[in-house]
Amino acid sequence: MKEFEGKTVDEAVKKALEELKVPSESLKYDVLVEQKGLFKKYAKIGVYEASDANDYAAKYLESILLALDLKATIQINVIDDIIHLDMTSEADASRIIGRGGETLRALNELVRAAIFNKFGEHYRILLNINNYKDQKYDKLAAMAQRVANTVRRTKITAELQPMTSDERRVIHNALSNDPHIKTLSIGAGKDRHITIQYVDIAPDGTPVQANQDQTDNVEENAPKADLEAAFEQKEDELPKSEESEEEKEEEIKEEPKEAKKDDSPFEQTESSDSGKL
């Protein structure tokens, strides 16, 4: 936090804007001191910097763990504008992860909401512990390839189970280079999930547009991939975890390609979720 002084709060804010060269709507600050005496006026503000949100997130998470009597060390990393809070714990990892990753996801949402309340803007937060998320991502990418192989063979659109935004991004990225496969995130909130669709390629190498009657039928007829039995079995080998959801900040936007399905219903999708959370 950087401090600025002036006779009034407005004067201190003006100094901050001139020095930091940021628009007034982007300036986040707290009034630290304000005196409005008859003969003396004085004000001091503290302007938040990018690192302040990182530190606040880590301290807030630490306070939650302390309240729950859970012990873990926390390391902060900022990658692609995502604040990563990587925890390490020997005794309490399974409790922090929770059944199916529910506790880890809840902690992620609490930290994200706390930062928004403090700084007034959305930050993408990703909690991890003992590299649980990395193991989960590897298994999700492998599962996505298996489902895509089935879709390519049958030309029938598949729907995956609901996932968090960072997990959906893994699926999009894993299949983004396959010209015969398109992915799209659909639904909202906890029901948001990915569909994987087959794409016909014309002789000139361009995607063939899908017949509208076919695409209209996909949503109600498309089968739902159960994240595959093999994936679910392997997930049990992990220390019980899941992830964060920051849903609105990381709406992954994909550039849709036109698609066509032969003899089977399917819908329009999009191809990459890279780029909130």
Protein backbone atom coordinates (compact mmCIF):
# COMPACT_ATOMS: atom_id res chain seq x y z
CA MET A 1 0.00 0.00 0.00
CA LYS A 2 1.38 3.38 -1.01
CA GLU A 3 0.46 6.44 1.04
CA PHE A 4 -0.39 9.95 -0.18
CA GLU A 5 -1.05 13.06 1.89
CA GLY A 6 -2.88 16.33 1.38
CA LYS A 7 -5.01 18.91 3.12
CA THR A 8 -8.09 17.00 2.02
CA VAL A 9 -8.86 13.51 0.79
CA ASP A 10 -9.51 14.91 -2.69
CA GLU A 11 -6.09 16.53 -2.75
CA ALA A 12 -4.41 13.30 -1.66
CA VAL A 13 -6.31 11.38 -4.34
CA LYS A 14 -5.25 13.92 -6.96
CA LYS A 15 -1.60 13.43 -6.00
CA ALA A 16 -2.01 9.67 -6.26
CA LEU A 17 -3.56 9.91 -9.71
CA GLU A 18 -0.79 12.19 -10.97
CA GLU A 19 2.01 9.99 -9.66
CA LEU A 20 0.54 6.61 -10.54
CA LYS A 21 -0.93 7.78 -13.85
CA VAL A 22 -4.09 5.67 -13.58
CA PRO A 23 -7.72 6.64 -14.28
CA SER A 24 -9.71 7.69 -11.22
CA GLU A 25 -12.09 4.73 -11.54
CA SER A 26 -9.15 2.34 -11.25
CA LEU A 27 -7.73 3.86 -8.07
CA LYS A 28 -8.45 1.73 -5.01
CA TYR A 29 -7.66 3.35 -1.68
CA ASP A 30 -8.53 3.60 2.00
CA VAL A 31 -8.68 6.85 3.96
CA LEU A 32 -6.12 6.37 6.72
CA VAL A 33 -6.32 9.80 8.38
CA GLU A 34 -8.72 12.72 7.92
CA GLN A 35 -8.66 15.82 10.11
CA LYS A 36 -11.16 18.60 9.50
CA GLY A 37 -10.19 21.12 12.18
CA LEU A 38 -11.03 24.79 11.95
CA PHE A 39 -7.38 25.81 11.66
CA LYS A 40 -5.80 22.64 10.33
CA LYS A 41 -6.85 20.17 7.71
CA TYR A 42 -4.98 16.98 6.92
CA ALA A 43 -5.71 13.73 5.08
CA LYS A 44 -3.77 10.58 4.28
CA ILE A 45 -4.87 7.80 1.96
CA GLY A 46 -3.41 4.38 1.29
CA VAL A 47 -3.55 3.27 -2.34
CA TYR A 48 -3.70 -0.45 -3.02
CA GLU A 49 -1.18 -1.97 -5.37
CA ALA A 50 -1.40 -5.26 -7.27
CA SER A 51 0.60 -7.13 -4.64
CA ASP A 52 -1.82 -6.06 -1.91
CA ALA A 53 -4.56 -8.30 -3.29
CA ASN A 54 -2.15 -11.23 -3.34
CA ASP A 55 -1.09 -10.68 0.26
CA TYR A 56 -4.66 -10.14 1.41
CA ALA A 57 -5.78 -13.39 -0.23
CA ALA A 58 -3.03 -15.38 1.48
CA LYS A 59 -3.69 -13.82 4.90
CA TYR A 60 -7.42 -14.37 4.59
CA LEU A 61 -6.90 -18.04 3.69
CA GLU A 62 -4.49 -18.40 6.58
CA SER A 63 -7.10 -16.99 8.98
CA ILE A 64 -9.71 -19.49 7.76
CA LEU A 65 -7.35 -22.43 8.19
CA LEU A 66 -6.47 -21.22 11.69
CA ALA A 67 -10.15 -20.95 12.62
CA LEU A 68 -10.71 -24.52 11.38
CA ASP A 69 -7.63 -25.78 13.24
CA LEU A 70 -5.96 -26.78 9.97
CA LYS A 71 -2.25 -26.36 9.37
CA ALA A 72 -0.67 -25.59 6.00
CA THR A 73 2.02 -23.36 4.56
CA ILE A 74 0.93 -21.01 1.76
CA GLN A 75 2.97 -19.83 -1.22
CA ILE A 76 1.75 -17.08 -3.55
CA ASN A 77 2.33 -17.22 -7.31
CA VAL A 78 0.75 -15.00 -9.97
CA ILE A 79 0.56 -16.67 -13.38
CA ASP A 80 -1.41 -15.21 -16.31
CA ASP A 81 -3.23 -12.81 -13.93
CA ILE A 82 -4.39 -15.72 -11.77
CA ILE A 83 -3.48 -15.62 -8.08
CA HIS A 84 -2.30 -19.11 -7.18
CA LEU A 85 -2.32 -19.98 -3.48
CA ASP A 86 -0.34 -23.21 -3.27
CA MET A 87 -0.65 -24.94 0.09
CA THR A 88 1.51 -27.67 1.56
CA SER A 89 0.31 -29.82 4.44
CA GLU A 90 1.31 -33.21 5.76
CA ALA A 91 -1.36 -33.87 8.38
CA ASP A 92 -4.39 -31.93 7.11
CA ALA A 93 -4.27 -32.21 3.32
CA SER A 94 -7.23 -34.59 3.08
CA ARG A 95 -9.35 -32.37 5.35
CA ILE A 96 -8.50 -29.26 3.34
CA ILE A 97 -9.36 -31.03 0.08
CA GLY A 98 -12.55 -32.60 1.42
CA ARG A 99 -14.81 -35.18 -0.13
CA GLY A 100 -14.59 -34.88 -3.89
CA GLY A 101 -12.71 -31.59 -3.47
CA GLU A 102 -15.73 -29.78 -2.01
CA THR A 103 -13.80 -28.17 0.87
CA LEU A 104 -11.05 -26.91 -1.41
CA ARG A 105 -13.66 -25.45 -3.77
CA ALA A 106 -15.50 -23.77 -0.89
CA LEU A 107 -12.27 -22.23 0.40
CA ASN A 108 -11.54 -20.95 -3.09
CA GLU A 109 -14.92 -19.24 -3.27
CA LEU A 110 -14.55 -17.70 0.19
CA VAL A 111 -11.17 -16.18 -0.67
CA ARG A 112 -12.45 -14.89 -3.99
CA ALA A 113 -15.49 -13.27 -2.38
CA ALA A 114 -13.36 -11.70 0.37
CA ILE A 115 -11.04 -10.10 -2.16
CA PHE A 116 -13.98 -8.72 -4.12
CA ASN A 117 -15.48 -7.22 -0.96
CA LYS A 118 -12.14 -5.65 -0.04
CA PHE A 119 -10.98 -4.32 -3.40
CA GLY A 120 -14.24 -3.99 -5.32
CA GLU A 121 -13.18 -6.00 -8.33
CA HIS A 122 -13.00 -9.62 -9.40
CA TYR A 123 -9.75 -11.52 -9.11
CA ARG A 124 -9.12 -15.00 -10.42
CA ILE A 125 -8.05 -17.21 -7.55
CA LEU A 126 -6.85 -20.80 -7.67
CA LEU A 127 -6.18 -22.83 -4.54
CA ASN A 128 -4.07 -25.97 -4.67
CA ILE A 129 -2.62 -28.30 -2.07
CA ASN A 130 0.16 -30.86 -2.36
CA ASN A 131 -0.09 -30.58 -6.18
CA TYR A 132 -3.56 -32.12 -6.12
CA LYS A 133 -4.81 -29.92 -8.95
CA ASP A 134 -1.90 -30.82 -11.21
CA GLN A 135 -2.67 -34.51 -10.82
CA LYS A 136 -6.34 -33.81 -11.49
CA TYR A 137 -5.53 -31.82 -14.62
CA ASP A 138 -3.43 -34.66 -16.06
CA LYS A 139 -6.28 -37.12 -15.57
CA LEU A 140 -8.84 -34.69 -17.03
CA ALA A 141 -6.74 -34.16 -20.16
CA ALA A 142 -6.38 -37.93 -20.64
CA MET A 143 -10.12 -38.42 -20.11
CA ALA A 144 -10.90 -35.67 -22.65
CA GLN A 145 -8.81 -37.44 -25.29
CA ARG A 146 -10.63 -40.73 -24.67
CA VAL A 147 -14.06 -39.11 -24.95
CA ALA A 148 -12.96 -37.20 -28.08
CA ASN A 149 -11.87 -40.48 -29.68
CA THR A 150 -15.34 -41.88 -29.06
CA VAL A 151 -17.00 -38.76 -30.48
CA ARG A 152 -14.74 -38.88 -33.55
CA ARG A 153 -15.67 -42.52 -34.13
CA THR A 154 -19.43 -42.26 -33.50
CA LYS A 155 -19.96 -38.61 -34.55
CA ILE A 156 -22.29 -38.23 -31.57
CA THR A 157 -21.92 -35.23 -29.28
CA ALA A 158 -20.93 -36.05 -25.70
CA GLU A 159 -21.60 -33.99 -22.59
CA LEU A 160 -19.21 -34.08 -19.65
CA GLN A 161 -20.18 -33.71 -16.03
CA PRO A 162 -20.15 -30.17 -14.52
CA MET A 163 -16.67 -28.85 -13.78
CA THR A 164 -15.05 -25.75 -12.37
CA SER A 165 -13.69 -23.10 -14.74
CA ASP A 166 -10.03 -24.11 -14.47
CA GLU A 167 -10.93 -27.75 -15.14
CA ARG A 168 -13.01 -26.79 -18.17
CA ARG A 169 -10.05 -24.81 -19.46
CA VAL A 170 -7.93 -27.96 -19.27
CA ILE A 171 -10.47 -29.81 -21.45
CA HIS A 172 -10.64 -26.99 -24.01
CA ASN A 173 -6.87 -26.75 -24.26
CA ALA A 174 -6.41 -30.51 -24.50
CA LEU A 175 -8.68 -30.70 -27.58
CA SER A 176 -8.04 -27.31 -29.18
CA ASN A 177 -5.73 -28.65 -31.91
CA ASP A 178 -8.05 -31.40 -33.13
CA PRO A 179 -9.72 -30.19 -36.38
CA HIS A 180 -12.55 -32.73 -36.05
CA ILE A 181 -13.46 -31.80 -32.46
CA LYS A 182 -15.15 -28.72 -31.03
CA THR A 183 -15.75 -27.98 -27.34
CA LEU A 184 -18.25 -25.62 -25.76
CA SER A 185 -19.01 -24.64 -22.18
CA ILE A 186 -22.77 -24.49 -21.59
CA GLY A 187 -25.00 -24.04 -18.57
CA ALA A 188 -24.51 -21.76 -15.59
CA GLY A 189 -23.15 -21.91 -12.07
CA LYS A 190 -22.55 -25.37 -10.69
CA ASP A 191 -24.26 -26.90 -13.74
CA ARG A 192 -21.84 -25.41 -16.25
CA HIS A 193 -20.23 -28.19 -18.27
CA ILE A 194 -18.56 -28.99 -21.58
CA THR A 195 -19.94 -30.63 -24.71
CA ILE A 196 -17.58 -32.33 -27.16
CA GLN A 197 -18.81 -32.36 -30.77
CA TYR A 198 -17.61 -33.91 -34.01
CA VAL A 199 -16.82 -31.54 -36.88
CA ASP A 200 -16.92 -32.56 -40.56
CA ILE A 201 -14.13 -31.10 -42.68
CA ALA A 202 -14.73 -30.22 -46.34
CA PRO A 203 -12.18 -31.15 -49.04
CA ASP A 204 -10.83 -27.60 -48.94
CA GLY A 205 -10.08 -28.03 -45.21
CA THR A 206 -12.91 -25.84 -43.88
CA PRO A 207 -15.51 -26.99 -41.34
CA VAL A 208 -18.85 -27.94 -42.88
CA GLN A 209 -21.86 -26.14 -41.44
CA ALA A 210 -24.23 -28.34 -39.45
CA ASN A 211 -27.81 -28.91 -40.52
CA GLN A 212 -30.06 -26.83 -38.25
CA ASP A 213 -32.52 -29.68 -37.69
CA GLN A 214 -29.68 -31.86 -36.43
CA THR A 215 -28.25 -29.26 -34.07
CA ASP A 216 -31.68 -28.57 -32.58
CA ASN A 217 -31.90 -32.19 -31.45
CA VAL A 218 -28.50 -32.45 -29.80
CA GLU A 219 -29.30 -30.80 -26.47
CA GLU A 220 -32.00 -33.29 -25.52
CA ASN A 221 -30.55 -36.38 -27.22
CA ALA A 222 -26.82 -36.09 -26.61
CA PRO A 223 -25.44 -38.67 -24.17
CA LYS A 224 -23.62 -37.52 -21.06
CA ALA A 225 -20.09 -38.83 -20.61
CA ASP A 226 -19.72 -39.94 -17.02
CA LEU A 227 -16.14 -38.67 -16.90
CA GLU A 228 -15.49 -42.30 -17.71
CA ALA A 229 -15.34 -45.07 -15.19
CA ALA A 230 -11.59 -45.26 -15.58
CA PHE A 231 -11.20 -41.61 -14.65
CA GLU A 232 -13.47 -41.92 -11.62
CA GLN A 233 -11.51 -44.92 -10.39
CA LYS A 234 -8.22 -43.07 -10.78
CA GLU A 235 -9.63 -40.00 -9.09
CA ASP A 236 -10.08 -42.09 -5.93
CA GLU A 237 -6.32 -42.53 -5.88
CA LEU A 238 -5.86 -38.80 -5.36
CA PRO A 239 -5.77 -37.35 -1.83
CA LYS A 240 -9.43 -36.33 -2.29
CA SER A 241 -9.64 -33.03 -3.87
CA GLU A 242 -11.07 -30.73 -6.44
CA GLU A 243 -10.74 -27.11 -7.22
CA SER A 244 -11.84 -23.57 -7.38
CA GLU A 245 -14.55 -21.97 -9.34
CA GLU A 246 -14.50 -18.59 -10.21
CA GLU A 247 -16.91 -18.74 -12.68
CA LYS A 248 -17.65 -15.25 -13.92
CA GLU A 249 -14.17 -13.92 -14.13
CA GLU A 250 -12.93 -16.82 -16.18
CA GLU A 251 -15.62 -17.19 -18.72
CA ILE A 252 -13.46 -18.78 -21.35
CA LYS A 253 -14.26 -17.50 -24.76
CA GLU A 254 -13.71 -19.77 -27.70
CA GLU A 255 -13.92 -18.92 -31.34
CA PRO A 256 -16.61 -21.25 -32.66
CA LYS A 257 -16.07 -23.28 -35.79
CA GLU A 258 -18.97 -24.37 -37.96
CA ALA A 259 -19.80 -28.04 -37.70
CA LYS A 260 -21.86 -30.68 -39.37
CA LYS A 261 -23.02 -34.04 -38.21
CA ASP A 262 -23.80 -36.97 -40.44
CA ASP A 263 -26.69 -39.18 -39.39
CA SER A 264 -26.39 -38.16 -35.75
CA PRO A 265 -27.63 -35.22 -33.72
CA PHE A 266 -25.17 -32.69 -32.45
CA GLU A 267 -24.91 -29.03 -31.51
CA GLN A 268 -22.68 -26.06 -31.91
CA THR A 269 -19.65 -25.79 -29.70
CA GLU A 270 -16.56 -23.73 -29.22
CA SER A 271 -12.97 -24.69 -29.20
CA SER A 272 -10.81 -23.33 -26.46
CA ASP A 273 -11.48 -22.14 -22.99
CA SER A 274 -8.10 -20.50 -22.54
CA GLY A 275 -7.67 -17.12 -21.46
CA LYS A 276 -11.49 -15.36 -14.78
CA LEU A 277 -11.59 -18.25 -14.19
